[in-house]
Amino acid sequence: HHGERLEETLSAVADHSTGVDVLRQLFTRELDSHQLFFAIGESLAHLHRLMRDGRVGRSTRTDGVHLYKRL
């Protein structure tokens, strides 16, 4: 399941995607605040793993928002 979810995360990343952009692709249903908390953590964890594996890169806008893109 974990490998499949990593591939879904990679597919959700377009050039200059924010973490919220990716989260919205991974979780298409309405989330309550409790579910959203865990969804944010899962999305960021997968993005960080993909960065560690050299499959996703990250830059930072001038306002501090991280932008992700496939490598």
PDB file of N, CA and C in Angstrom:
ATOM      1  N   HIS A   1       0.820  -1.198   0.000  1.00  0.00           N
ATOM      2  CA  HIS A   1       0.000   0.000   0.000  1.00  0.00           C
ATOM      3  C   HIS A   1       0.860   1.256   0.000  1.00  0.00           C
ATOM      4  N   HIS A   2       1.960   1.232   0.732  1.00  0.00           N
ATOM      5  CA  HIS A   2       2.799   2.422   0.849  1.00  0.00           C
ATOM      6  C   HIS A   2       3.401   2.811  -0.507  1.00  0.00           C
ATOM      7  N   GLY A   3       3.903   1.834  -1.240  1.00  0.00           N
ATOM      8  CA  GLY A   3       4.468   2.108  -2.563  1.00  0.00           C
ATOM      9  C   GLY A   3       3.436   2.672  -3.513  1.00  0.00           C
ATOM     10  N   GLU A   4       2.233   2.131  -3.441  1.00  0.00           N
ATOM     11  CA  GLU A   4       1.143   2.629  -4.286  1.00  0.00           C
ATOM     12  C   GLU A   4       0.816   4.083  -3.952  1.00  0.00           C
ATOM     13  N   ARG A   5       0.806   4.393  -2.677  1.00  0.00           N
ATOM     14  CA  ARG A   5       0.482   5.765  -2.258  1.00  0.00           C
ATOM     15  C   ARG A   5       1.594   6.741  -2.662  1.00  0.00           C
ATOM     16  N   LEU A   6       2.845   6.290  -2.645  1.00  0.00           N
ATOM     17  CA  LEU A   6       3.938   7.130  -3.119  1.00  0.00           C
ATOM     18  C   LEU A   6       3.766   7.450  -4.608  1.00  0.00           C
ATOM     19  N   GLU A   7       3.377   6.450  -5.386  1.00  0.00           N
ATOM     20  CA  GLU A   7       3.161   6.673  -6.818  1.00  0.00           C
ATOM     21  C   GLU A   7       1.992   7.628  -7.057  1.00  0.00           C
ATOM     22  N   GLU A   8       0.944   7.511  -6.261  1.00  0.00           N
ATOM     23  CA  GLU A   8      -0.185   8.445  -6.374  1.00  0.00           C
ATOM     24  C   GLU A   8       0.258   9.864  -6.036  1.00  0.00           C
ATOM     25  N   THR A   9       1.116   9.986  -5.027  1.00  0.00           N
ATOM     26  CA  THR A   9       1.627  11.304  -4.659  1.00  0.00           C
ATOM     27  C   THR A   9       2.472  11.871  -5.777  1.00  0.00           C
ATOM     28  N   LEU A  10       3.349  11.065  -6.350  1.00  0.00           N
ATOM     29  CA  LEU A  10       4.176  11.523  -7.459  1.00  0.00           C
ATOM     30  C   LEU A  10       3.307  11.977  -8.628  1.00  0.00           C
ATOM     31  N   SER A  11       2.261  11.237  -8.914  1.00  0.00           N
ATOM     32  CA  SER A  11       1.351  11.608 -10.001  1.00  0.00           C
ATOM     33  C   SER A  11       0.622  12.911  -9.715  1.00  0.00           C
ATOM     34  N   ALA A  12       0.421  13.219  -8.451  1.00  0.00           N
ATOM     35  CA  ALA A  12      -0.297  14.437  -8.064  1.00  0.00           C
ATOM     36  C   ALA A  12       0.576  15.686  -8.172  1.00  0.00           C
ATOM     37  N   VAL A  13       1.891  15.489  -8.274  1.00  0.00           N
ATOM     38  CA  VAL A  13       2.814  16.618  -8.320  1.00  0.00           C
ATOM     39  C   VAL A  13       2.952  17.116  -9.757  1.00  0.00           C
ATOM     40  N   ALA A  14       2.634  18.376  -9.955  1.00  0.00           N
ATOM     41  CA  ALA A  14       2.885  19.059 -11.219  1.00  0.00           C
ATOM     42  C   ALA A  14       3.962  20.106 -10.943  1.00  0.00           C
ATOM     43  N   ASP A  15       4.458  20.761 -11.977  1.00  0.00           N
ATOM     44  CA  ASP A  15       5.434  21.823 -11.730  1.00  0.00           C
ATOM     45  C   ASP A  15       4.829  22.880 -10.824  1.00  0.00           C
ATOM     46  N   HIS A  16       5.535  23.198  -9.774  1.00  0.00           N
ATOM     47  CA  HIS A  16       5.147  24.253  -8.837  1.00  0.00           C
ATOM     48  C   HIS A  16       3.863  23.935  -8.075  1.00  0.00           C
ATOM     49  N   SER A  17       3.712  22.690  -7.614  1.00  0.00           N
ATOM     50  CA  SER A  17       2.586  22.292  -6.770  1.00  0.00           C
ATOM     51  C   SER A  17       2.887  22.630  -5.324  1.00  0.00           C
ATOM     52  N   THR A  18       1.906  23.158  -4.626  1.00  0.00           N
ATOM     53  CA  THR A  18       2.037  23.334  -3.184  1.00  0.00           C
ATOM     54  C   THR A  18       1.639  22.026  -2.505  1.00  0.00           C
ATOM     55  N   GLY A  19       1.925  21.922  -1.223  1.00  0.00           N
ATOM     56  CA  GLY A  19       1.473  20.755  -0.469  1.00  0.00           C
ATOM     57  C   GLY A  19      -0.041  20.637  -0.477  1.00  0.00           C
ATOM     58  N   VAL A  20      -0.732  21.758  -0.439  1.00  0.00           N
ATOM     59  CA  VAL A  20      -2.203  21.755  -0.480  1.00  0.00           C
ATOM     60  C   VAL A  20      -2.694  21.251  -1.831  1.00  0.00           C
ATOM     61  N   ASP A  21      -2.015  21.632  -2.921  1.00  0.00           N
ATOM     62  CA  ASP A  21      -2.384  21.118  -4.247  1.00  0.00           C
ATOM     63  C   ASP A  21      -2.312  19.597  -4.269  1.00  0.00           C
ATOM     64  N   VAL A  22      -1.237  19.064  -3.730  1.00  0.00           N
ATOM     65  CA  VAL A  22      -1.042  17.612  -3.703  1.00  0.00           C
ATOM     66  C   VAL A  22      -2.093  16.961  -2.803  1.00  0.00           C
ATOM     67  N   LEU A  23      -2.319  17.526  -1.637  1.00  0.00           N
ATOM     68  CA  LEU A  23      -3.314  16.993  -0.707  1.00  0.00           C
ATOM     69  C   LEU A  23      -4.689  16.891  -1.381  1.00  0.00           C
ATOM     70  N   ARG A  24      -5.076  17.911  -2.117  1.00  0.00           N
ATOM     71  CA  ARG A  24      -6.388  17.916  -2.775  1.00  0.00           C
ATOM     72  C   ARG A  24      -6.498  16.839  -3.845  1.00  0.00           C
ATOM     73  N   GLN A  25      -5.368  16.465  -4.453  1.00  0.00           N
ATOM     74  CA  GLN A  25      -5.379  15.382  -5.436  1.00  0.00           C
ATOM     75  C   GLN A  25      -5.474  14.012  -4.752  1.00  0.00           C
ATOM     76  N   LEU A  26      -4.851  13.889  -3.601  1.00  0.00           N
ATOM     77  CA  LEU A  26      -4.840  12.612  -2.888  1.00  0.00           C
ATOM     78  C   LEU A  26      -6.131  12.347  -2.123  1.00  0.00           C
ATOM     79  N   PHE A  27      -6.744  13.395  -1.613  1.00  0.00           N
ATOM     80  CA  PHE A  27      -7.948  13.268  -0.782  1.00  0.00           C
ATOM     81  C   PHE A  27      -9.059  14.097  -1.428  1.00  0.00           C
ATOM     82  N   THR A  28      -9.872  13.441  -2.224  1.00  0.00           N
ATOM     83  CA  THR A  28     -10.887  14.165  -3.000  1.00  0.00           C
ATOM     84  C   THR A  28     -12.201  14.330  -2.247  1.00  0.00           C
ATOM     85  N   ARG A  29     -12.380  13.595  -1.166  1.00  0.00           N
ATOM     86  CA  ARG A  29     -13.622  13.725  -0.399  1.00  0.00           C
ATOM     87  C   ARG A  29     -13.500  14.877   0.605  1.00  0.00           C
ATOM     88  N   GLU A  30     -14.614  15.298   1.136  1.00  0.00           N
ATOM     89  CA  GLU A  30     -14.634  16.338   2.166  1.00  0.00           C
ATOM     90  C   GLU A  30     -14.009  15.784   3.451  1.00  0.00           C
ATOM     91  N   LEU A  31     -13.102  16.533   4.046  1.00  0.00           N
ATOM     92  CA  LEU A  31     -12.432  16.091   5.269  1.00  0.00           C
ATOM     93  C   LEU A  31     -12.805  17.010   6.422  1.00  0.00           C
ATOM     94  N   ASP A  32     -13.073  16.407   7.579  1.00  0.00           N
ATOM     95  CA  ASP A  32     -13.279  17.250   8.756  1.00  0.00           C
ATOM     96  C   ASP A  32     -11.903  17.661   9.290  1.00  0.00           C
ATOM     97  N   SER A  33     -11.858  18.507  10.300  1.00  0.00           N
ATOM     98  CA  SER A  33     -10.577  19.045  10.768  1.00  0.00           C
ATOM     99  C   SER A  33      -9.656  17.943  11.304  1.00  0.00           C
ATOM    100  N   HIS A  34     -10.211  16.928  11.932  1.00  0.00           N
ATOM    101  CA  HIS A  34      -9.404  15.816  12.442  1.00  0.00           C
ATOM    102  C   HIS A  34      -8.775  15.047  11.283  1.00  0.00           C
ATOM    103  N   GLN A  35      -9.566  14.724  10.273  1.00  0.00           N
ATOM    104  CA  GLN A  35      -9.062  13.999   9.102  1.00  0.00           C
ATOM    105  C   GLN A  35      -8.052  14.850   8.334  1.00  0.00           C
ATOM    106  N   LEU A  36      -8.307  16.149   8.236  1.00  0.00           N
ATOM    107  CA  LEU A  36      -7.411  17.043   7.519  1.00  0.00           C
ATOM    108  C   LEU A  36      -6.031  17.069   8.173  1.00  0.00           C
ATOM    109  N   PHE A  37      -5.990  17.054   9.479  1.00  0.00           N
ATOM    110  CA  PHE A  37      -4.719  17.027  10.206  1.00  0.00           C
ATOM    111  C   PHE A  37      -3.876  15.829   9.772  1.00  0.00           C
ATOM    112  N   PHE A  38      -4.477  14.649   9.708  1.00  0.00           N
ATOM    113  CA  PHE A  38      -3.754  13.444   9.309  1.00  0.00           C
ATOM    114  C   PHE A  38      -3.436  13.445   7.820  1.00  0.00           C
ATOM    115  N   ALA A  39      -4.325  13.995   6.993  1.00  0.00           N
ATOM    116  CA  ALA A  39      -4.096  14.064   5.550  1.00  0.00           C
ATOM    117  C   ALA A  39      -2.897  14.958   5.233  1.00  0.00           C
ATOM    118  N   ILE A  40      -2.771  16.061   5.951  1.00  0.00           N
ATOM    119  CA  ILE A  40      -1.618  16.952   5.767  1.00  0.00           C
ATOM    120  C   ILE A  40      -0.327  16.198   6.100  1.00  0.00           C
ATOM    121  N   GLY A  41      -0.334  15.518   7.231  1.00  0.00           N
ATOM    122  CA  GLY A  41       0.851  14.757   7.640  1.00  0.00           C
ATOM    123  C   GLY A  41       1.220  13.687   6.634  1.00  0.00           C
ATOM    124  N   GLU A  42       0.232  12.961   6.130  1.00  0.00           N
ATOM    125  CA  GLU A  42       0.505  11.904   5.155  1.00  0.00           C
ATOM    126  C   GLU A  42       1.047  12.493   3.859  1.00  0.00           C
ATOM    127  N   SER A  43       0.438  13.557   3.387  1.00  0.00           N
ATOM    128  CA  SER A  43       0.870  14.174   2.130  1.00  0.00           C
ATOM    129  C   SER A  43       2.306  14.677   2.235  1.00  0.00           C
ATOM    130  N   LEU A  44       2.616  15.374   3.314  1.00  0.00           N
ATOM    131  CA  LEU A  44       3.974  15.888   3.488  1.00  0.00           C
ATOM    132  C   LEU A  44       4.989  14.765   3.675  1.00  0.00           C
ATOM    133  N   ALA A  45       4.612  13.722   4.379  1.00  0.00           N
ATOM    134  CA  ALA A  45       5.527  12.590   4.572  1.00  0.00           C
ATOM    135  C   ALA A  45       5.867  11.943   3.235  1.00  0.00           C
ATOM    136  N   HIS A  46       4.871  11.767   2.387  1.00  0.00           N
ATOM    137  CA  HIS A  46       5.130  11.172   1.066  1.00  0.00           C
ATOM    138  C   HIS A  46       5.976  12.105   0.205  1.00  0.00           C
ATOM    139  N   LEU A  47       5.708  13.404   0.262  1.00  0.00           N
ATOM    140  CA  LEU A  47       6.521  14.350  -0.507  1.00  0.00           C
ATOM    141  C   LEU A  47       7.973  14.320  -0.032  1.00  0.00           C
ATOM    142  N   HIS A  48       8.183  14.260   1.269  1.00  0.00           N
ATOM    143  CA  HIS A  48       9.546  14.215   1.801  1.00  0.00           C
ATOM    144  C   HIS A  48      10.253  12.929   1.401  1.00  0.00           C
ATOM    145  N   ARG A  49       9.535  11.827   1.400  1.00  0.00           N
ATOM    146  CA  ARG A  49      10.137  10.556   0.958  1.00  0.00           C
ATOM    147  C   ARG A  49      10.536  10.638  -0.513  1.00  0.00           C
ATOM    148  N   LEU A  50       9.654  11.204  -1.342  1.00  0.00           N
ATOM    149  CA  LEU A  50       9.960  11.342  -2.765  1.00  0.00           C
ATOM    150  C   LEU A  50      11.136  12.297  -2.979  1.00  0.00           C
ATOM    151  N   MET A  51      11.262  13.318  -2.138  1.00  0.00           N
ATOM    152  CA  MET A  51      12.422  14.202  -2.222  1.00  0.00           C
ATOM    153  C   MET A  51      13.692  13.441  -1.845  1.00  0.00           C
ATOM    154  N   ARG A  52      13.626  12.669  -0.799  1.00  0.00           N
ATOM    155  CA  ARG A  52      14.786  11.887  -0.359  1.00  0.00           C
ATOM    156  C   ARG A  52      15.232  10.908  -1.437  1.00  0.00           C
ATOM    157  N   ASP A  53      14.258  10.356  -2.157  1.00  0.00           N
ATOM    158  CA  ASP A  53      14.550   9.401  -3.224  1.00  0.00           C
ATOM    159  C   ASP A  53      14.978  10.080  -4.522  1.00  0.00           C
ATOM    160  N   GLY A  54      14.991  11.420  -4.551  1.00  0.00           N
ATOM    161  CA  GLY A  54      15.413  12.149  -5.736  1.00  0.00           C
ATOM    162  C   GLY A  54      14.381  12.195  -6.846  1.00  0.00           C
ATOM    163  N   ARG A  55      13.123  11.964  -6.504  1.00  0.00           N
ATOM    164  CA  ARG A  55      12.057  11.946  -7.513  1.00  0.00           C
ATOM    165  C   ARG A  55      11.265  13.248  -7.545  1.00  0.00           C
ATOM    166  N   VAL A  56      11.373  14.033  -6.477  1.00  0.00           N
ATOM    167  CA  VAL A  56      10.669  15.311  -6.367  1.00  0.00           C
ATOM    168  C   VAL A  56      11.664  16.342  -5.839  1.00  0.00           C
ATOM    169  N   GLY A  57      11.576  17.556  -6.378  1.00  0.00           N
ATOM    170  CA  GLY A  57      12.386  18.658  -5.893  1.00  0.00           C
ATOM    171  C   GLY A  57      11.501  19.698  -5.231  1.00  0.00           C
ATOM    172  N   ARG A  58      12.109  20.563  -4.446  1.00  0.00           N
ATOM    173  CA  ARG A  58      11.346  21.592  -3.742  1.00  0.00           C
ATOM    174  C   ARG A  58      12.071  22.927  -3.831  1.00  0.00           C
ATOM    175  N   SER A  59      11.293  23.954  -4.085  1.00  0.00           N
ATOM    176  CA  SER A  59      11.802  25.323  -4.023  1.00  0.00           C
ATOM    177  C   SER A  59      10.889  26.090  -3.078  1.00  0.00           C
ATOM    178  N   THR A  60      11.278  27.303  -2.757  1.00  0.00           N
ATOM    179  CA  THR A  60      10.500  28.103  -1.823  1.00  0.00           C
ATOM    180  C   THR A  60      10.203  29.459  -2.444  1.00  0.00           C
ATOM    181  N   ARG A  61       8.918  29.833  -2.442  1.00  0.00           N
ATOM    182  CA  ARG A  61       8.530  31.150  -2.936  1.00  0.00           C
ATOM    183  C   ARG A  61       9.001  32.217  -1.956  1.00  0.00           C
ATOM    184  N   THR A  62       8.939  33.456  -2.384  1.00  0.00           N
ATOM    185  CA  THR A  62       9.372  34.557  -1.521  1.00  0.00           C
ATOM    186  C   THR A  62       8.500  34.693  -0.279  1.00  0.00           C
ATOM    187  N   ASP A  63       7.251  34.160  -0.340  1.00  0.00           N
ATOM    188  CA  ASP A  63       6.376  34.224   0.841  1.00  0.00           C
ATOM    189  C   ASP A  63       6.554  33.022   1.766  1.00  0.00           C
ATOM    190  N   GLY A  64       7.530  32.155   1.460  1.00  0.00           N
ATOM    191  CA  GLY A  64       7.839  31.019   2.323  1.00  0.00           C
ATOM    192  C   GLY A  64       7.107  29.729   1.989  1.00  0.00           C
ATOM    193  N   VAL A  65       6.219  29.741   1.002  1.00  0.00           N
ATOM    194  CA  VAL A  65       5.470  28.542   0.621  1.00  0.00           C
ATOM    195  C   VAL A  65       6.378  27.641  -0.212  1.00  0.00           C
ATOM    196  N   HIS A  66       6.426  26.347   0.141  1.00  0.00           N
ATOM    197  CA  HIS A  66       7.211  25.375  -0.612  1.00  0.00           C
ATOM    198  C   HIS A  66       6.460  24.965  -1.873  1.00  0.00           C
ATOM    199  N   LEU A  67       7.210  24.834  -2.959  1.00  0.00           N
ATOM    200  CA  LEU A  67       6.665  24.372  -4.236  1.00  0.00           C
ATOM    201  C   LEU A  67       7.402  23.096  -4.624  1.00  0.00           C
ATOM    202  N   TYR A  68       6.644  22.098  -5.043  1.00  0.00           N
ATOM    203  CA  TYR A  68       7.205  20.798  -5.392  1.00  0.00           C
ATOM    204  C   TYR A  68       7.082  20.572  -6.889  1.00  0.00           C
ATOM    205  N   LYS A  69       8.055  19.833  -7.446  1.00  0.00           N
ATOM    206  CA  LYS A  69       7.960  19.437  -8.848  1.00  0.00           C
ATOM    207  C   LYS A  69       8.649  18.091  -9.024  1.00  0.00           C
ATOM    208  N   ARG A  70       8.202  17.359 -10.024  1.00  0.00           N
ATOM    209  CA  ARG A  70       8.840  16.079 -10.341  1.00  0.00           C
ATOM    210  C   ARG A  70      10.208  16.325 -10.965  1.00  0.00           C
ATOM    211  N   LEU A  71      11.135  15.456 -10.677  1.00  0.00           N
ATOM    212  CA  LEU A  71      12.479  15.544 -11.266  1.00  0.00           C
ATOM    213  C   LEU A  71      12.648  14.501 -12.348  1.00  0.00           C
TER     214      LEU A  71
END
